[in-house]
Amino acid sequence: MGRGRGFLARAAGPAHLRAPLLDELEAWRVENRGIDPPGEPLGRAITYLDNHWKILRVVEKGGVLELDNGEPERRLRGPAMGRRNWLFAGSDGGAETAETILSMLETAKSFGVAREYLHDVLSKIAGGWKQSRLAKLMPAEWAAARAAARAAARADAPHPAAQ
């Protein structure tokens, strides 16, 4: 149902497959509400589902969100496991800097460009990149610009058959 695919791929996918699954879950939720006390595991699960039901139905709306959050959870596992280490960042400013860098790196990983991205961005920053242009170094914008530059280079390259 779009798991692990980007927004455009999910949006182009069959929305009619999402609604019946959620309709069935909603019928089950309503039917089973109140059967188990709220302190029991099933009662807690149904209460959680009730509390988050409106946001869960958003997955029907054109592929904006995925039905599960497994991939973001996996990406956050590394920083979460190092949480104790982050207590020793040296200062609040150092912790905020580490947070920003880790967020950017995880986003770059999701675009599949982490190593290349890190090398290019750090080189540009060390070379005096203007702070007013920092948005151009965000992973999504950087990846799009890199893809456009590569496409332009391929278009300009002479075709081997033409030589």
Protein backbone atom coordinates (compact mmCIF):
# COMPACT_ATOMS: atom_id res chain seq x y z
CA MET A 1 0.00 0.00 0.00
CA GLY A 2 2.83 2.41 -0.60
CA ARG A 3 5.11 1.36 2.21
CA GLY A 4 8.57 2.81 1.76
CA ARG A 5 7.57 4.73 -1.36
CA GLY A 6 7.74 8.48 -1.77
CA PHE A 7 4.80 10.85 -1.67
CA LEU A 8 4.31 10.95 -5.45
CA ALA A 9 4.29 7.16 -5.73
CA ARG A 10 1.81 6.84 -2.87
CA ALA A 11 -0.41 9.61 -4.25
CA ALA A 12 -0.53 7.85 -7.63
CA GLY A 13 -1.39 4.56 -5.93
CA PRO A 14 -4.88 3.16 -5.61
CA ALA A 15 -6.66 5.12 -2.85
CA HIS A 16 -9.57 2.71 -3.08
CA LEU A 17 -7.42 0.09 -1.33
CA ARG A 18 -6.85 2.22 1.77
CA ALA A 19 -10.46 3.12 2.60
CA PRO A 20 -11.90 -0.43 2.94
CA LEU A 21 -9.13 -1.46 5.32
CA LEU A 22 -9.72 1.58 7.51
CA ASP A 23 -13.52 1.16 7.31
CA GLU A 24 -13.16 -2.43 8.54
CA LEU A 25 -10.88 -1.34 11.36
CA GLU A 26 -13.31 1.41 12.35
CA ALA A 27 -16.23 -1.05 12.48
CA TRP A 28 -14.15 -3.37 14.69
CA ARG A 29 -13.13 -0.45 16.92
CA VAL A 30 -16.73 0.69 17.45
CA GLU A 31 -17.97 -2.87 17.99
CA ASN A 32 -15.30 -3.69 20.58
CA ARG A 33 -15.20 -0.38 22.44
CA GLY A 34 -16.05 -0.90 26.11
CA ILE A 35 -15.77 -4.72 26.09
CA ASP A 36 -12.48 -4.72 27.97
CA PRO A 37 -11.79 -2.25 30.80
CA PRO A 38 -9.52 0.67 29.85
CA GLY A 39 -6.76 -0.72 32.12
CA GLU A 40 -6.53 -4.03 30.23
CA PRO A 41 -4.23 -4.31 27.19
CA LEU A 42 -7.08 -4.47 24.63
CA GLY A 43 -8.93 -1.65 26.39
CA ARG A 44 -5.78 0.51 26.30
CA ALA A 45 -5.28 -0.30 22.61
CA ILE A 46 -8.84 0.65 21.70
CA THR A 47 -8.58 3.88 23.72
CA TYR A 48 -5.34 4.70 21.88
CA LEU A 49 -7.05 3.98 18.56
CA ASP A 50 -10.03 6.17 19.54
CA ASN A 51 -7.71 9.03 20.49
CA HIS A 52 -5.81 8.85 17.20
CA TRP A 53 -8.59 7.87 14.83
CA LYS A 54 -8.97 11.21 12.99
CA ILE A 55 -5.27 11.42 12.18
CA LEU A 56 -5.20 7.77 11.13
CA ARG A 57 -7.89 8.46 8.52
CA VAL A 58 -5.57 11.06 6.93
CA VAL A 59 -3.73 8.21 5.17
CA GLU A 60 -6.73 8.00 2.83
CA LYS A 61 -6.08 11.50 1.54
CA GLY A 62 -3.97 11.10 -1.57
CA GLY A 63 -0.88 9.39 -0.18
CA VAL A 64 0.36 12.24 1.98
CA LEU A 65 1.18 9.88 4.85
CA GLU A 66 2.14 6.24 5.01
CA LEU A 67 -0.05 3.84 6.94
CA ASP A 68 2.84 2.81 9.17
CA ASN A 69 5.76 4.74 10.59
CA GLY A 70 8.32 1.94 10.63
CA GLU A 71 10.86 3.69 8.41
CA PRO A 72 10.97 6.96 10.42
CA GLU A 73 11.16 4.89 13.62
CA ARG A 74 14.18 3.00 12.25
CA ARG A 75 15.87 6.27 11.27
CA LEU A 76 15.42 7.64 14.78
CA ARG A 77 16.77 4.53 16.47
CA GLY A 78 20.43 5.61 16.20
CA PRO A 79 19.99 9.04 17.79
CA ALA A 80 17.64 7.57 20.40
CA MET A 81 20.18 4.89 21.33
CA GLY A 82 22.82 7.58 21.77
CA ARG A 83 20.56 9.72 23.94
CA ARG A 84 22.75 9.26 27.01
CA ASN A 85 25.76 10.46 25.01
CA TRP A 86 23.91 13.62 24.04
CA LEU A 87 23.82 14.60 27.72
CA PHE A 88 27.49 15.47 27.34
CA ALA A 89 27.25 17.79 24.33
CA GLY A 90 29.16 20.45 26.25
CA SER A 91 26.47 23.12 26.08
CA ASP A 92 22.94 23.76 24.94
CA GLY A 93 24.33 25.28 21.74
CA GLY A 94 26.44 22.19 21.10
CA ALA A 95 23.42 19.94 21.62
CA GLU A 96 21.34 22.03 19.19
CA THR A 97 24.11 21.86 16.61
CA ALA A 98 24.33 18.08 17.00
CA GLU A 99 20.54 17.85 16.65
CA THR A 100 20.61 19.87 13.42
CA ILE A 101 23.47 17.86 11.93
CA LEU A 102 21.89 14.51 12.82
CA SER A 103 18.54 15.58 11.37
CA MET A 104 20.17 16.68 8.13
CA LEU A 105 22.19 13.47 7.86
CA GLU A 106 19.18 11.24 8.45
CA THR A 107 17.23 13.18 5.83
CA ALA A 108 20.15 12.87 3.40
CA LYS A 109 20.23 9.11 4.05
CA SER A 110 16.55 8.93 3.13
CA PHE A 111 17.46 10.49 -0.24
CA GLY A 112 20.33 8.01 -0.63
CA VAL A 113 22.98 10.75 -0.81
CA ALA A 114 24.47 10.88 2.70
CA ARG A 115 28.20 10.53 1.94
CA GLU A 116 28.18 12.71 -1.16
CA TYR A 117 25.91 15.23 0.54
CA LEU A 118 28.08 15.49 3.64
CA HIS A 119 31.26 15.99 1.60
CA ASP A 120 29.73 18.65 -0.63
CA VAL A 121 27.92 20.57 2.11
CA LEU A 122 30.87 20.64 4.51
CA SER A 123 33.15 21.80 1.67
CA LYS A 124 30.75 24.59 0.79
CA ILE A 125 30.34 25.71 4.41
CA ALA A 126 34.12 25.66 4.96
CA GLY A 127 34.52 27.64 1.74
CA GLY A 128 32.37 30.48 3.05
CA TRP A 129 28.87 29.58 1.89
CA LYS A 130 26.60 32.53 2.69
CA GLN A 131 24.21 31.99 5.57
CA SER A 132 21.42 33.59 3.53
CA ARG A 133 21.70 30.64 1.12
CA LEU A 134 21.69 27.83 3.73
CA ALA A 135 18.26 26.63 2.57
CA LYS A 136 19.95 25.52 -0.68
CA LEU A 137 21.96 23.02 1.39
CA MET A 138 18.94 21.26 2.90
CA PRO A 139 18.94 17.62 1.76
CA ALA A 140 15.77 17.74 -0.38
CA GLU A 141 16.81 20.88 -2.23
CA TRP A 142 20.42 19.71 -2.54
CA ALA A 143 19.35 16.32 -3.96
CA ALA A 144 17.01 17.99 -6.48
CA ALA A 145 19.73 20.42 -7.61
CA ARG A 146 22.26 17.58 -7.89
CA ALA A 147 19.83 15.48 -9.99
CA ALA A 148 19.14 18.46 -12.28
CA ALA A 149 22.87 19.12 -12.71
CA ARG A 150 23.53 15.48 -13.57
CA ALA A 151 20.66 15.43 -16.07
CA ALA A 152 22.02 18.59 -17.71
CA ALA A 153 25.52 17.08 -17.88
CA ARG A 154 24.15 13.93 -19.55
CA ALA A 155 22.23 16.04 -22.06
CA ASP A 156 25.36 18.05 -22.93
CA ALA A 157 27.65 15.00 -23.23
CA PRO A 158 28.29 13.83 -26.79
CA HIS A 159 26.50 10.61 -27.64
CA PRO A 160 28.98 7.75 -28.36
CA ALA A 161 27.21 6.85 -31.62
CA ALA A 162 27.62 10.43 -32.90
CA GLN A 163 31.42 10.25 -32.78
